Amino acid sequence: MTKWLVMSLISLGFAVPAFAEKPCEQDMATFCGTVEPGEGRVMKCMKENESKLSPACKSHIEKMKKEMKHVKEACHDDYEKFCSEEKPGKGRVMKCMKEHKDEMSQACKDEMNKMKHKKGKKGA
């Protein structure tokens, strides 16, 4: 379940931009600047260099993890109902979730919208 969530958030564009935001942008450039984005490679690189990250970046990542936990909890039943048969990777789970977006629980829709809204505010 956690893997589909992480992959889904990457597909939605939440993960790498979270690292590219102010608290982590210098760390990402320093430790993962040569890593080709896609398929979770930047996230993996940041995880591998976690002990070297600045305190501000570590704090930012923890905040993002808490926010992702809310999405995971809100969307768990929807994932199980509609997409648990999908093999994670290459956006398959996210595609499935999007295909069933109109059937998702209101709680899942709300949490996904909160994440999109927060992402949009940060980019503004």
PDB file of N, CA and C in Angstrom:
ATOM      1  N   MET A   1       0.831  -1.199   0.000  1.00  0.00           N
ATOM      2  CA  MET A   1       0.000   0.000   0.000  1.00  0.00           C
ATOM      3  C   MET A   1       0.868   1.253   0.000  1.00  0.00           C
ATOM      4  N   THR A   2       1.904   1.291   0.817  1.00  0.00           N
ATOM      5  CA  THR A   2       2.739   2.480   0.873  1.00  0.00           C
ATOM      6  C   THR A   2       3.423   2.722  -0.457  1.00  0.00           C
ATOM      7  N   LYS A   3       3.869   1.654  -1.103  1.00  0.00           N
ATOM      8  CA  LYS A   3       4.547   1.812  -2.379  1.00  0.00           C
ATOM      9  C   LYS A   3       3.627   2.442  -3.419  1.00  0.00           C
ATOM     10  N   TRP A   4       2.352   2.009  -3.474  1.00  0.00           N
ATOM     11  CA  TRP A   4       1.451   2.615  -4.460  1.00  0.00           C
ATOM     12  C   TRP A   4       1.244   4.079  -4.145  1.00  0.00           C
ATOM     13  N   LEU A   5       1.205   4.433  -2.856  1.00  0.00           N
ATOM     14  CA  LEU A   5       0.997   5.823  -2.484  1.00  0.00           C
ATOM     15  C   LEU A   5       2.173   6.671  -2.937  1.00  0.00           C
ATOM     16  N   VAL A   6       3.357   6.225  -2.648  1.00  0.00           N
ATOM     17  CA  VAL A   6       4.544   6.973  -3.051  1.00  0.00           C
ATOM     18  C   VAL A   6       4.586   7.119  -4.568  1.00  0.00           C
ATOM     19  N   MET A   7       4.350   6.023  -5.275  1.00  0.00           N
ATOM     20  CA  MET A   7       4.367   6.079  -6.733  1.00  0.00           C
ATOM     21  C   MET A   7       3.255   6.989  -7.255  1.00  0.00           C
ATOM     22  N   SER A   8       2.116   6.962  -6.608  1.00  0.00           N
ATOM     23  CA  SER A   8       1.016   7.830  -7.026  1.00  0.00           C
ATOM     24  C   SER A   8       1.368   9.288  -6.833  1.00  0.00           C
ATOM     25  N   LEU A   9       1.968   9.603  -5.710  1.00  0.00           N
ATOM     26  CA  LEU A   9       2.332  10.984  -5.446  1.00  0.00           C
ATOM     27  C   LEU A   9       3.423  11.451  -6.390  1.00  0.00           C
ATOM     28  N   ILE A  10       4.338  10.543  -6.722  1.00  0.00           N
ATOM     29  CA  ILE A  10       5.347  10.886  -7.710  1.00  0.00           C
ATOM     30  C   ILE A  10       4.665  11.176  -9.038  1.00  0.00           C
ATOM     31  N   SER A  11       3.719  10.328  -9.414  1.00  0.00           N
ATOM     32  CA  SER A  11       3.000  10.525 -10.666  1.00  0.00           C
ATOM     33  C   SER A  11       2.248  11.845 -10.684  1.00  0.00           C
ATOM     34  N   LEU A  12       1.709  12.224  -9.552  1.00  0.00           N
ATOM     35  CA  LEU A  12       0.996  13.494  -9.467  1.00  0.00           C
ATOM     36  C   LEU A  12       1.949  14.685  -9.424  1.00  0.00           C
ATOM     37  N   GLY A  13       3.210  14.401  -9.247  1.00  0.00           N
ATOM     38  CA  GLY A  13       4.184  15.474  -9.212  1.00  0.00           C
ATOM     39  C   GLY A  13       4.424  16.056  -7.834  1.00  0.00           C
ATOM     40  N   PHE A  14       4.057  15.347  -6.774  1.00  0.00           N
ATOM     41  CA  PHE A  14       4.237  15.873  -5.436  1.00  0.00           C
ATOM     42  C   PHE A  14       5.631  15.613  -4.890  1.00  0.00           C
ATOM     43  N   ALA A  15       6.227  14.486  -5.201  1.00  0.00           N
ATOM     44  CA  ALA A  15       7.450  14.076  -4.520  1.00  0.00           C
ATOM     45  C   ALA A  15       8.659  14.922  -4.914  1.00  0.00           C
ATOM     46  N   VAL A  16       9.016  14.958  -6.180  1.00  0.00           N
ATOM     47  CA  VAL A  16      10.203  15.704  -6.583  1.00  0.00           C
ATOM     48  C   VAL A  16      10.028  17.193  -6.315  1.00  0.00           C
ATOM     49  N   PRO A  17       8.871  17.804  -6.639  1.00  0.00           N
ATOM     50  CA  PRO A  17       8.728  19.212  -6.288  1.00  0.00           C
ATOM     51  C   PRO A  17       8.879  19.471  -4.791  1.00  0.00           C
ATOM     52  N   ALA A  18       8.497  18.510  -3.957  1.00  0.00           N
ATOM     53  CA  ALA A  18       8.673  18.687  -2.510  1.00  0.00           C
ATOM     54  C   ALA A  18      10.153  18.833  -2.180  1.00  0.00           C
ATOM     55  N   PHE A  19      11.012  18.089  -2.854  1.00  0.00           N
ATOM     56  CA  PHE A  19      12.444  18.199  -2.635  1.00  0.00           C
ATOM     57  C   PHE A  19      13.001  19.459  -3.282  1.00  0.00           C
ATOM     58  N   ALA A  20      12.373  19.892  -4.365  1.00  0.00           N
ATOM     59  CA  ALA A  20      12.859  21.057  -5.096  1.00  0.00           C
ATOM     60  C   ALA A  20      12.452  22.374  -4.425  1.00  0.00           C
ATOM     61  N   GLU A  21      11.579  22.305  -3.425  1.00  0.00           N
ATOM     62  CA  GLU A  21      11.159  23.515  -2.733  1.00  0.00           C
ATOM     63  C   GLU A  21      12.305  24.056  -1.886  1.00  0.00           C
ATOM     64  N   LYS A  22      12.206  25.300  -1.505  1.00  0.00           N
ATOM     65  CA  LYS A  22      13.251  26.038  -0.815  1.00  0.00           C
ATOM     66  C   LYS A  22      14.027  25.236   0.235  1.00  0.00           C
ATOM     67  N   PRO A  23      13.362  24.576   1.172  1.00  0.00           N
ATOM     68  CA  PRO A  23      14.147  23.901   2.216  1.00  0.00           C
ATOM     69  C   PRO A  23      15.077  22.797   1.695  1.00  0.00           C
ATOM     70  N   CYS A  24      14.778  22.230   0.540  1.00  0.00           N
ATOM     71  CA  CYS A  24      15.557  21.085   0.049  1.00  0.00           C
ATOM     72  C   CYS A  24      16.265  21.332  -1.284  1.00  0.00           C
ATOM     73  N   GLU A  25      16.018  22.454  -1.920  1.00  0.00           N
ATOM     74  CA  GLU A  25      16.555  22.616  -3.268  1.00  0.00           C
ATOM     75  C   GLU A  25      18.083  22.557  -3.315  1.00  0.00           C
ATOM     76  N   GLN A  26      18.770  23.164  -2.337  1.00  0.00           N
ATOM     77  CA  GLN A  26      20.228  23.118  -2.343  1.00  0.00           C
ATOM     78  C   GLN A  26      20.731  21.696  -2.085  1.00  0.00           C
ATOM     79  N   ASP A  27      20.092  20.984  -1.148  1.00  0.00           N
ATOM     80  CA  ASP A  27      20.479  19.606  -0.867  1.00  0.00           C
ATOM     81  C   ASP A  27      20.270  18.728  -2.098  1.00  0.00           C
ATOM     82  N   MET A  28      19.137  18.925  -2.766  1.00  0.00           N
ATOM     83  CA  MET A  28      18.856  18.124  -3.950  1.00  0.00           C
ATOM     84  C   MET A  28      19.900  18.389  -5.037  1.00  0.00           C
ATOM     85  N   ALA A  29      20.260  19.650  -5.224  1.00  0.00           N
ATOM     86  CA  ALA A  29      21.271  19.985  -6.235  1.00  0.00           C
ATOM     87  C   ALA A  29      22.634  19.395  -5.861  1.00  0.00           C
ATOM     88  N   THR A  30      22.959  19.482  -4.581  1.00  0.00           N
ATOM     89  CA  THR A  30      24.256  18.995  -4.116  1.00  0.00           C
ATOM     90  C   THR A  30      24.387  17.480  -4.221  1.00  0.00           C
ATOM     91  N   PHE A  31      23.391  16.769  -3.714  1.00  0.00           N
ATOM     92  CA  PHE A  31      23.500  15.315  -3.620  1.00  0.00           C
ATOM     93  C   PHE A  31      22.906  14.563  -4.805  1.00  0.00           C
ATOM     94  N   CYS A  32      21.947  15.170  -5.496  1.00  0.00           N
ATOM     95  CA  CYS A  32      21.218  14.424  -6.534  1.00  0.00           C
ATOM     96  C   CYS A  32      21.098  15.193  -7.841  1.00  0.00           C
ATOM     97  N   GLY A  33      21.897  16.229  -7.988  1.00  0.00           N
ATOM     98  CA  GLY A  33      21.813  17.079  -9.180  1.00  0.00           C
ATOM     99  C   GLY A  33      22.074  16.363 -10.488  1.00  0.00           C
ATOM    100  N   THR A  34      22.814  15.272 -10.440  1.00  0.00           N
ATOM    101  CA  THR A  34      23.118  14.545 -11.671  1.00  0.00           C
ATOM    102  C   THR A  34      22.178  13.370 -11.917  1.00  0.00           C
ATOM    103  N   VAL A  35      21.221  13.172 -11.011  1.00  0.00           N
ATOM    104  CA  VAL A  35      20.277  12.062 -11.127  1.00  0.00           C
ATOM    105  C   VAL A  35      19.165  12.439 -12.105  1.00  0.00           C
ATOM    106  N   GLU A  36      18.899  11.561 -13.046  1.00  0.00           N
ATOM    107  CA  GLU A  36      17.832  11.800 -14.014  1.00  0.00           C
ATOM    108  C   GLU A  36      16.476  11.607 -13.329  1.00  0.00           C
ATOM    109  N   PRO A  37      15.625  12.635 -13.349  1.00  0.00           N
ATOM    110  CA  PRO A  37      14.303  12.492 -12.726  1.00  0.00           C
ATOM    111  C   PRO A  37      13.466  11.410 -13.409  1.00  0.00           C
ATOM    112  N   GLY A  38      12.606  10.792 -12.646  1.00  0.00           N
ATOM    113  CA  GLY A  38      11.708   9.767 -13.174  1.00  0.00           C
ATOM    114  C   GLY A  38      11.865   8.463 -12.430  1.00  0.00           C
ATOM    115  N   GLU A  39      10.755   7.740 -12.327  1.00  0.00           N
ATOM    116  CA  GLU A  39      10.718   6.422 -11.706  1.00  0.00           C
ATOM    117  C   GLU A  39      11.267   6.418 -10.278  1.00  0.00           C
ATOM    118  N   GLY A  40      11.130   7.544  -9.585  1.00  0.00           N
ATOM    119  CA  GLY A  40      11.538   7.602  -8.184  1.00  0.00           C
ATOM    120  C   GLY A  40      13.028   7.727  -7.940  1.00  0.00           C
ATOM    121  N   ARG A  41      13.821   7.997  -8.980  1.00  0.00           N
ATOM    122  CA  ARG A  41      15.275   8.043  -8.808  1.00  0.00           C
ATOM    123  C   ARG A  41      15.729   9.189  -7.897  1.00  0.00           C
ATOM    124  N   VAL A  42      15.122  10.365  -8.033  1.00  0.00           N
ATOM    125  CA  VAL A  42      15.521  11.489  -7.183  1.00  0.00           C
ATOM    126  C   VAL A  42      15.131  11.205  -5.737  1.00  0.00           C
ATOM    127  N   MET A  43      13.940  10.676  -5.555  1.00  0.00           N
ATOM    128  CA  MET A  43      13.494  10.339  -4.206  1.00  0.00           C
ATOM    129  C   MET A  43      14.449   9.316  -3.575  1.00  0.00           C
ATOM    130  N   LYS A  44      14.845   8.327  -4.348  1.00  0.00           N
ATOM    131  CA  LYS A  44      15.764   7.300  -3.855  1.00  0.00           C
ATOM    132  C   LYS A  44      17.106   7.932  -3.477  1.00  0.00           C
ATOM    133  N   CYS A  45      17.592   8.823  -4.316  1.00  0.00           N
ATOM    134  CA  CYS A  45      18.855   9.499  -4.045  1.00  0.00           C
ATOM    135  C   CYS A  45      18.773  10.311  -2.759  1.00  0.00           C
ATOM    136  N   MET A  46      17.685  11.047  -2.596  1.00  0.00           N
ATOM    137  CA  MET A  46      17.530  11.844  -1.382  1.00  0.00           C
ATOM    138  C   MET A  46      17.476  10.941  -0.150  1.00  0.00           C
ATOM    139  N   LYS A  47      16.800   9.826  -0.272  1.00  0.00           N
ATOM    140  CA  LYS A  47      16.711   8.867   0.837  1.00  0.00           C
ATOM    141  C   LYS A  47      18.104   8.322   1.172  1.00  0.00           C
ATOM    142  N   GLU A  48      18.891   8.003   0.141  1.00  0.00           N
ATOM    143  CA  GLU A  48      20.240   7.477   0.352  1.00  0.00           C
ATOM    144  C   GLU A  48      21.157   8.504   1.027  1.00  0.00           C
ATOM    145  N   ASN A  49      20.855   9.780   0.828  1.00  0.00           N
ATOM    146  CA  ASN A  49      21.672  10.853   1.404  1.00  0.00           C
ATOM    147  C   ASN A  49      21.011  11.518   2.604  1.00  0.00           C
ATOM    148  N   GLU A  50      20.007  10.870   3.158  1.00  0.00           N
ATOM    149  CA  GLU A  50      19.207  11.448   4.240  1.00  0.00           C
ATOM    150  C   GLU A  50      20.057  11.959   5.405  1.00  0.00           C
ATOM    151  N   SER A  51      21.089  11.226   5.768  1.00  0.00           N
ATOM    152  CA  SER A  51      21.919  11.631   6.919  1.00  0.00           C
ATOM    153  C   SER A  51      22.701  12.911   6.642  1.00  0.00           C
ATOM    154  N   LYS A  52      22.875  13.278   5.377  1.00  0.00           N
ATOM    155  CA  LYS A  52      23.643  14.463   5.001  1.00  0.00           C
ATOM    156  C   LYS A  52      22.764  15.690   4.776  1.00  0.00           C
ATOM    157  N   LEU A  53      21.436  15.513   4.764  1.00  0.00           N
ATOM    158  CA  LEU A  53      20.540  16.616   4.450  1.00  0.00           C
ATOM    159  C   LEU A  53      20.525  17.663   5.560  1.00  0.00           C
ATOM    160  N   SER A  54      20.256  18.891   5.174  1.00  0.00           N
ATOM    161  CA  SER A  54      20.180  19.988   6.143  1.00  0.00           C
ATOM    162  C   SER A  54      19.002  19.772   7.088  1.00  0.00           C
ATOM    163  N   PRO A  55      19.071  20.327   8.290  1.00  0.00           N
ATOM    164  CA  PRO A  55      17.942  20.207   9.223  1.00  0.00           C
ATOM    165  C   PRO A  55      16.633  20.747   8.637  1.00  0.00           C
ATOM    166  N   ALA A  56      16.694  21.838   7.892  1.00  0.00           N
ATOM    167  CA  ALA A  56      15.481  22.410   7.299  1.00  0.00           C
ATOM    168  C   ALA A  56      14.860  21.449   6.292  1.00  0.00           C
ATOM    169  N   CYS A  57      15.686  20.805   5.498  1.00  0.00           N
ATOM    170  CA  CYS A  57      15.186  19.847   4.515  1.00  0.00           C
ATOM    171  C   CYS A  57      14.598  18.628   5.215  1.00  0.00           C
ATOM    172  N   LYS A  58      15.285  18.130   6.223  1.00  0.00           N
ATOM    173  CA  LYS A  58      14.766  16.979   6.970  1.00  0.00           C
ATOM    174  C   LYS A  58      13.399  17.300   7.570  1.00  0.00           C
ATOM    175  N   SER A  59      13.255  18.492   8.108  1.00  0.00           N
ATOM    176  CA  SER A  59      11.985  18.910   8.693  1.00  0.00           C
ATOM    177  C   SER A  59      10.896  18.985   7.623  1.00  0.00           C
ATOM    178  N   HIS A  60      11.238  19.508   6.468  1.00  0.00           N
ATOM    179  CA  HIS A  60      10.294  19.615   5.352  1.00  0.00           C
ATOM    180  C   HIS A  60       9.835  18.227   4.896  1.00  0.00           C
ATOM    181  N   ILE A  61      10.759  17.306   4.800  1.00  0.00           N
ATOM    182  CA  ILE A  61      10.427  15.943   4.379  1.00  0.00           C
ATOM    183  C   ILE A  61       9.489  15.294   5.391  1.00  0.00           C
ATOM    184  N   GLU A  62       9.752  15.485   6.671  1.00  0.00           N
ATOM    185  CA  GLU A  62       8.871  14.924   7.702  1.00  0.00           C
ATOM    186  C   GLU A  62       7.461  15.497   7.594  1.00  0.00           C
ATOM    187  N   LYS A  63       7.364  16.771   7.311  1.00  0.00           N
ATOM    188  CA  LYS A  63       6.048  17.406   7.134  1.00  0.00           C
ATOM    189  C   LYS A  63       5.320  16.781   5.946  1.00  0.00           C
ATOM    190  N   MET A  64       6.041  16.571   4.848  1.00  0.00           N
ATOM    191  CA  MET A  64       5.434  15.962   3.658  1.00  0.00           C
ATOM    192  C   MET A  64       4.985  14.532   3.954  1.00  0.00           C
ATOM    193  N   LYS A  65       5.778  13.790   4.724  1.00  0.00           N
ATOM    194  CA  LYS A  65       5.398  12.419   5.084  1.00  0.00           C
ATOM    195  C   LYS A  65       4.087  12.394   5.856  1.00  0.00           C
ATOM    196  N   LYS A  66       3.929  13.353   6.778  1.00  0.00           N
ATOM    197  CA  LYS A  66       2.694  13.431   7.557  1.00  0.00           C
ATOM    198  C   LYS A  66       1.503  13.723   6.647  1.00  0.00           C
ATOM    199  N   GLU A  67       1.699  14.635   5.700  1.00  0.00           N
ATOM    200  CA  GLU A  67       0.621  14.958   4.773  1.00  0.00           C
ATOM    201  C   GLU A  67       0.272  13.749   3.903  1.00  0.00           C
ATOM    202  N   MET A  68       1.277  13.021   3.466  1.00  0.00           N
ATOM    203  CA  MET A  68       1.045  11.835   2.641  1.00  0.00           C
ATOM    204  C   MET A  68       0.320  10.750   3.434  1.00  0.00           C
ATOM    205  N   LYS A  69       0.590  10.700   4.726  1.00  0.00           N
ATOM    206  CA  LYS A  69      -0.072   9.699   5.576  1.00  0.00           C
ATOM    207  C   LYS A  69      -1.581   9.912   5.564  1.00  0.00           C
ATOM    208  N   HIS A  70      -2.003  11.162   5.559  1.00  0.00           N
ATOM    209  CA  HIS A  70      -3.437  11.462   5.513  1.00  0.00           C
ATOM    210  C   HIS A  70      -4.061  10.951   4.212  1.00  0.00           C
ATOM    211  N   VAL A  71      -3.353  11.124   3.106  1.00  0.00           N
ATOM    212  CA  VAL A  71      -3.855  10.636   1.821  1.00  0.00           C
ATOM    213  C   VAL A  71      -3.932   9.113   1.851  1.00  0.00           C
ATOM    214  N   LYS A  72      -2.885   8.486   2.365  1.00  0.00           N
ATOM    215  CA  LYS A  72      -2.860   7.026   2.446  1.00  0.00           C
ATOM    216  C   LYS A  72      -4.048   6.502   3.246  1.00  0.00           C
ATOM    217  N   GLU A  73      -4.303   7.116   4.393  1.00  0.00           N
ATOM    218  CA  GLU A  73      -5.410   6.675   5.240  1.00  0.00           C
ATOM    219  C   GLU A  73      -6.752   6.912   4.555  1.00  0.00           C
ATOM    220  N   ALA A  74      -6.907   8.068   3.934  1.00  0.00           N
ATOM    221  CA  ALA A  74      -8.184   8.414   3.309  1.00  0.00           C
ATOM    222  C   ALA A  74      -8.472   7.576   2.065  1.00  0.00           C
ATOM    223  N   CYS A  75      -7.425   7.156   1.365  1.00  0.00           N
ATOM    224  CA  CYS A  75      -7.610   6.466   0.081  1.00  0.00           C
ATOM    225  C   CYS A  75      -7.400   4.960   0.153  1.00  0.00           C
ATOM    226  N   HIS A  76      -7.075   4.449   1.315  1.00  0.00           N
ATOM    227  CA  HIS A  76      -6.775   3.020   1.445  1.00  0.00           C
ATOM    228  C   HIS A  76      -7.913   2.135   0.911  1.00  0.00           C
ATOM    229  N   ASP A  77      -9.126   2.378   1.371  1.00  0.00           N
ATOM    230  CA  ASP A  77     -10.252   1.536   0.954  1.00  0.00           C
ATOM    231  C   ASP A  77     -10.522   1.662  -0.541  1.00  0.00           C
ATOM    232  N   ASP A  78     -10.355   2.869  -1.083  1.00  0.00           N
ATOM    233  CA  ASP A  78     -10.547   3.069  -2.526  1.00  0.00           C
ATOM    234  C   ASP A  78      -9.501   2.294  -3.322  1.00  0.00           C
ATOM    235  N   TYR A  79      -8.276   2.359  -2.856  1.00  0.00           N
ATOM    236  CA  TYR A  79      -7.210   1.598  -3.514  1.00  0.00           C
ATOM    237  C   TYR A  79      -7.536   0.102  -3.486  1.00  0.00           C
ATOM    238  N   GLU A  80      -7.909  -0.396  -2.317  1.00  0.00           N
ATOM    239  CA  GLU A  80      -8.221  -1.820  -2.177  1.00  0.00           C
ATOM    240  C   GLU A  80      -9.394  -2.212  -3.079  1.00  0.00           C
ATOM    241  N   LYS A  81     -10.391  -1.375  -3.139  1.00  0.00           N
ATOM    242  CA  LYS A  81     -11.600  -1.673  -3.906  1.00  0.00           C
ATOM    243  C   LYS A  81     -11.359  -1.641  -5.412  1.00  0.00           C
ATOM    244  N   PHE A  82     -10.632  -0.640  -5.876  1.00  0.00           N
ATOM    245  CA  PHE A  82     -10.518  -0.428  -7.317  1.00  0.00           C
ATOM    246  C   PHE A  82      -9.188  -0.835  -7.944  1.00  0.00           C
ATOM    247  N   CYS A  83      -8.103  -0.755  -7.207  1.00  0.00           N
ATOM    248  CA  CYS A  83      -6.802  -0.833  -7.867  1.00  0.00           C
ATOM    249  C   CYS A  83      -5.784  -1.785  -7.247  1.00  0.00           C
ATOM    250  N   SER A  84      -6.178  -2.577  -6.268  1.00  0.00           N
ATOM    251  CA  SER A  84      -5.202  -3.436  -5.605  1.00  0.00           C
ATOM    252  C   SER A  84      -4.634  -4.517  -6.524  1.00  0.00           C
ATOM    253  N   GLU A  85      -5.324  -4.807  -7.615  1.00  0.00           N
ATOM    254  CA  GLU A  85      -4.841  -5.808  -8.571  1.00  0.00           C
ATOM    255  C   GLU A  85      -3.777  -5.246  -9.521  1.00  0.00           C
ATOM    256  N   GLU A  86      -3.664  -3.915  -9.558  1.00  0.00           N
ATOM    257  CA  GLU A  86      -2.698  -3.288 -10.455  1.00  0.00           C
ATOM    258  C   GLU A  86      -1.279  -3.487  -9.944  1.00  0.00           C
ATOM    259  N   LYS A  87      -0.383  -3.773 -10.849  1.00  0.00           N
ATOM    260  CA  LYS A  87       1.025  -3.919 -10.502  1.00  0.00           C
ATOM    261  C   LYS A  87       1.625  -2.508 -10.396  1.00  0.00           C
ATOM    262  N   PRO A  88       2.210  -2.152  -9.233  1.00  0.00           N
ATOM    263  CA  PRO A  88       2.806  -0.822  -9.099  1.00  0.00           C
ATOM    264  C   PRO A  88       3.928  -0.592 -10.106  1.00  0.00           C
ATOM    265  N   GLY A  89       4.052   0.636 -10.529  1.00  0.00           N
ATOM    266  CA  GLY A  89       5.103   1.024 -11.466  1.00  0.00           C
ATOM    267  C   GLY A  89       4.532   1.569 -12.751  1.00  0.00           C
ATOM    268  N   LYS A  90       5.298   2.456 -13.357  1.00  0.00           N
ATOM    269  CA  LYS A  90       4.949   3.063 -14.645  1.00  0.00           C
ATOM    270  C   LYS A  90       3.591   3.747 -14.625  1.00  0.00           C
ATOM    271  N   GLY A  91       3.175   4.224 -13.454  1.00  0.00           N
ATOM    272  CA  GLY A  91       1.939   4.979 -13.348  1.00  0.00           C
ATOM    273  C   GLY A  91       0.663   4.174 -13.426  1.00  0.00           C
ATOM    274  N   ARG A  92       0.770   2.840 -13.383  1.00  0.00           N
ATOM    275  CA  ARG A  92      -0.430   1.998 -13.524  1.00  0.00           C
ATOM    276  C   ARG A  92      -1.439   2.220 -12.407  1.00  0.00           C
ATOM    277  N   VAL A  93      -0.966   2.295 -11.173  1.00  0.00           N
ATOM    278  CA  VAL A  93      -1.888   2.476 -10.050  1.00  0.00           C
ATOM    279  C   VAL A  93      -2.539   3.854 -10.128  1.00  0.00           C
ATOM    280  N   MET A  94      -1.729   4.866 -10.417  1.00  0.00           N
ATOM    281  CA  MET A  94      -2.301   6.216 -10.514  1.00  0.00           C
ATOM    282  C   MET A  94      -3.309   6.291 -11.644  1.00  0.00           C
ATOM    283  N   LYS A  95      -3.017   5.651 -12.751  1.00  0.00           N
ATOM    284  CA  LYS A  95      -3.962   5.629 -13.865  1.00  0.00           C
ATOM    285  C   LYS A  95      -5.271   4.987 -13.424  1.00  0.00           C
ATOM    286  N   CYS A  96      -5.166   3.891 -12.710  1.00  0.00           N
ATOM    287  CA  CYS A  96      -6.353   3.211 -12.201  1.00  0.00           C
ATOM    288  C   CYS A  96      -7.131   4.118 -11.255  1.00  0.00           C
ATOM    289  N   MET A  97      -6.425   4.774 -10.342  1.00  0.00           N
ATOM    290  CA  MET A  97      -7.096   5.663  -9.398  1.00  0.00           C
ATOM    291  C   MET A  97      -7.803   6.801 -10.135  1.00  0.00           C
ATOM    292  N   LYS A  98      -7.145   7.343 -11.152  1.00  0.00           N
ATOM    293  CA  LYS A  98      -7.757   8.419 -11.941  1.00  0.00           C
ATOM    294  C   LYS A  98      -8.990   7.914 -12.686  1.00  0.00           C
ATOM    295  N   GLU A  99      -8.918   6.696 -13.200  1.00  0.00           N
ATOM    296  CA  GLU A  99     -10.061   6.119 -13.919  1.00  0.00           C
ATOM    297  C   GLU A  99     -11.274   5.965 -13.008  1.00  0.00           C
ATOM    298  N   HIS A 100     -11.032   5.828 -11.729  1.00  0.00           N
ATOM    299  CA  HIS A 100     -12.119   5.640 -10.754  1.00  0.00           C
ATOM    300  C   HIS A 100     -12.361   6.884  -9.897  1.00  0.00           C
ATOM    301  N   LYS A 101     -11.835   8.016 -10.321  1.00  0.00           N
ATOM    302  CA  LYS A 101     -11.926   9.220  -9.483  1.00  0.00           C
ATOM    303  C   LYS A 101     -13.355   9.590  -9.122  1.00  0.00           C
ATOM    304  N   ASP A 102     -14.291   9.363 -10.027  1.00  0.00           N
ATOM    305  CA  ASP A 102     -15.689   9.698  -9.734  1.00  0.00           C
ATOM    306  C   ASP A 102     -16.324   8.738  -8.734  1.00  0.00           C
ATOM    307  N   GLU A 103     -15.717   7.572  -8.564  1.00  0.00           N
ATOM    308  CA  GLU A 103     -16.235   6.562  -7.637  1.00  0.00           C
ATOM    309  C   GLU A 103     -15.534   6.586  -6.283  1.00  0.00           C
ATOM    310  N   MET A 104     -14.490   7.400  -6.163  1.00  0.00           N
ATOM    311  CA  MET A 104     -13.722   7.461  -4.923  1.00  0.00           C
ATOM    312  C   MET A 104     -14.558   8.020  -3.786  1.00  0.00           C
ATOM    313  N   SER A 105     -14.191   7.629  -2.597  1.00  0.00           N
ATOM    314  CA  SER A 105     -14.859   8.172  -1.414  1.00  0.00           C
ATOM    315  C   SER A 105     -14.593   9.675  -1.344  1.00  0.00           C
ATOM    316  N   GLN A 106     -15.478  10.375  -0.697  1.00  0.00           N
ATOM    317  CA  GLN A 106     -15.298  11.819  -0.555  1.00  0.00           C
ATOM    318  C   GLN A 106     -14.043  12.133   0.239  1.00  0.00           C
ATOM    319  N   ALA A 107     -13.739  11.316   1.238  1.00  0.00           N
ATOM    320  CA  ALA A 107     -12.539  11.542   2.052  1.00  0.00           C
ATOM    321  C   ALA A 107     -11.274  11.475   1.202  1.00  0.00           C
ATOM    322  N   CYS A 108     -11.215  10.503   0.306  1.00  0.00           N
ATOM    323  CA  CYS A 108     -10.050  10.367  -0.571  1.00  0.00           C
ATOM    324  C   CYS A 108      -9.966  11.566  -1.514  1.00  0.00           C
ATOM    325  N   LYS A 109     -11.075  11.915  -2.121  1.00  0.00           N
ATOM    326  CA  LYS A 109     -11.099  13.077  -3.022  1.00  0.00           C
ATOM    327  C   LYS A 109     -10.629  14.328  -2.288  1.00  0.00           C
ATOM    328  N   ASP A 110     -11.125  14.510  -1.073  1.00  0.00           N
ATOM    329  CA  ASP A 110     -10.772  15.698  -0.297  1.00  0.00           C
ATOM    330  C   ASP A 110      -9.274  15.759  -0.003  1.00  0.00           C
ATOM    331  N   GLU A 111      -8.694  14.648   0.413  1.00  0.00           N
ATOM    332  CA  GLU A 111      -7.261  14.628   0.730  1.00  0.00           C
ATOM    333  C   GLU A 111      -6.408  14.846  -0.511  1.00  0.00           C
ATOM    334  N   MET A 112      -6.792  14.233  -1.619  1.00  0.00           N
ATOM    335  CA  MET A 112      -6.045  14.436  -2.859  1.00  0.00           C
ATOM    336  C   MET A 112      -6.141  15.902  -3.295  1.00  0.00           C
ATOM    337  N   ASN A 113      -7.314  16.494  -3.143  1.00  0.00           N
ATOM    338  CA  ASN A 113      -7.473  17.906  -3.495  1.00  0.00           C
ATOM    339  C   ASN A 113      -6.663  18.811  -2.583  1.00  0.00           C
ATOM    340  N   LYS A 114      -6.578  18.457  -1.293  1.00  0.00           N
ATOM    341  CA  LYS A 114      -5.759  19.235  -0.361  1.00  0.00           C
ATOM    342  C   LYS A 114      -4.306  19.224  -0.804  1.00  0.00           C
ATOM    343  N   MET A 115      -3.816  18.045  -1.185  1.00  0.00           N
ATOM    344  CA  MET A 115      -2.428  17.940  -1.633  1.00  0.00           C
ATOM    345  C   MET A 115      -2.209  18.767  -2.897  1.00  0.00           C
ATOM    346  N   LYS A 116      -3.150  18.679  -3.845  1.00  0.00           N
ATOM    347  CA  LYS A 116      -3.025  19.462  -5.077  1.00  0.00           C
ATOM    348  C   LYS A 116      -3.055  20.950  -4.752  1.00  0.00           C
ATOM    349  N   HIS A 117      -3.943  21.346  -3.852  1.00  0.00           N
ATOM    350  CA  HIS A 117      -4.070  22.758  -3.488  1.00  0.00           C
ATOM    351  C   HIS A 117      -2.799  23.262  -2.825  1.00  0.00           C
ATOM    352  N   LYS A 118      -2.228  22.479  -1.920  1.00  0.00           N
ATOM    353  CA  LYS A 118      -0.989  22.885  -1.255  1.00  0.00           C
ATOM    354  C   LYS A 118       0.136  23.009  -2.261  1.00  0.00           C
ATOM    355  N   LYS A 119       0.186  22.076  -3.196  1.00  0.00           N
ATOM    356  CA  LYS A 119       1.212  22.122  -4.242  1.00  0.00           C
ATOM    357  C   LYS A 119       1.031  23.388  -5.067  1.00  0.00           C
ATOM    358  N   GLY A 120      -0.218  23.704  -5.416  1.00  0.00           N
ATOM    359  CA  GLY A 120      -0.508  24.882  -6.219  1.00  0.00           C
ATOM    360  C   GLY A 120      -0.152  26.179  -5.506  1.00  0.00           C
ATOM    361  N   LYS A 121      -0.405  26.249  -4.204  1.00  0.00           N
ATOM    362  CA  LYS A 121      -0.089  27.442  -3.417  1.00  0.00           C
ATOM    363  C   LYS A 121       1.416  27.665  -3.359  1.00  0.00           C
ATOM    364  N   LYS A 122       2.162  26.571  -3.238  1.00  0.00           N
ATOM    365  CA  LYS A 122       3.609  26.690  -3.127  1.00  0.00           C
ATOM    366  C   LYS A 122       4.216  27.153  -4.434  1.00  0.00           C
ATOM    367  N   GLY A 123       3.582  26.759  -5.540  1.00  0.00           N
ATOM    368  CA  GLY A 123       4.105  27.140  -6.845  1.00  0.00           C
ATOM    369  C   GLY A 123       3.716  28.538  -7.243  1.00  0.00           C
ATOM    370  N   ALA A 124       2.785  29.139  -6.531  1.00  0.00           N
ATOM    371  CA  ALA A 124       2.277  30.475  -6.892  1.00  0.00           C
ATOM    372  C   ALA A 124       3.213  31.573  -6.453  1.00  0.00           C
TER     373      ALA A 124
END
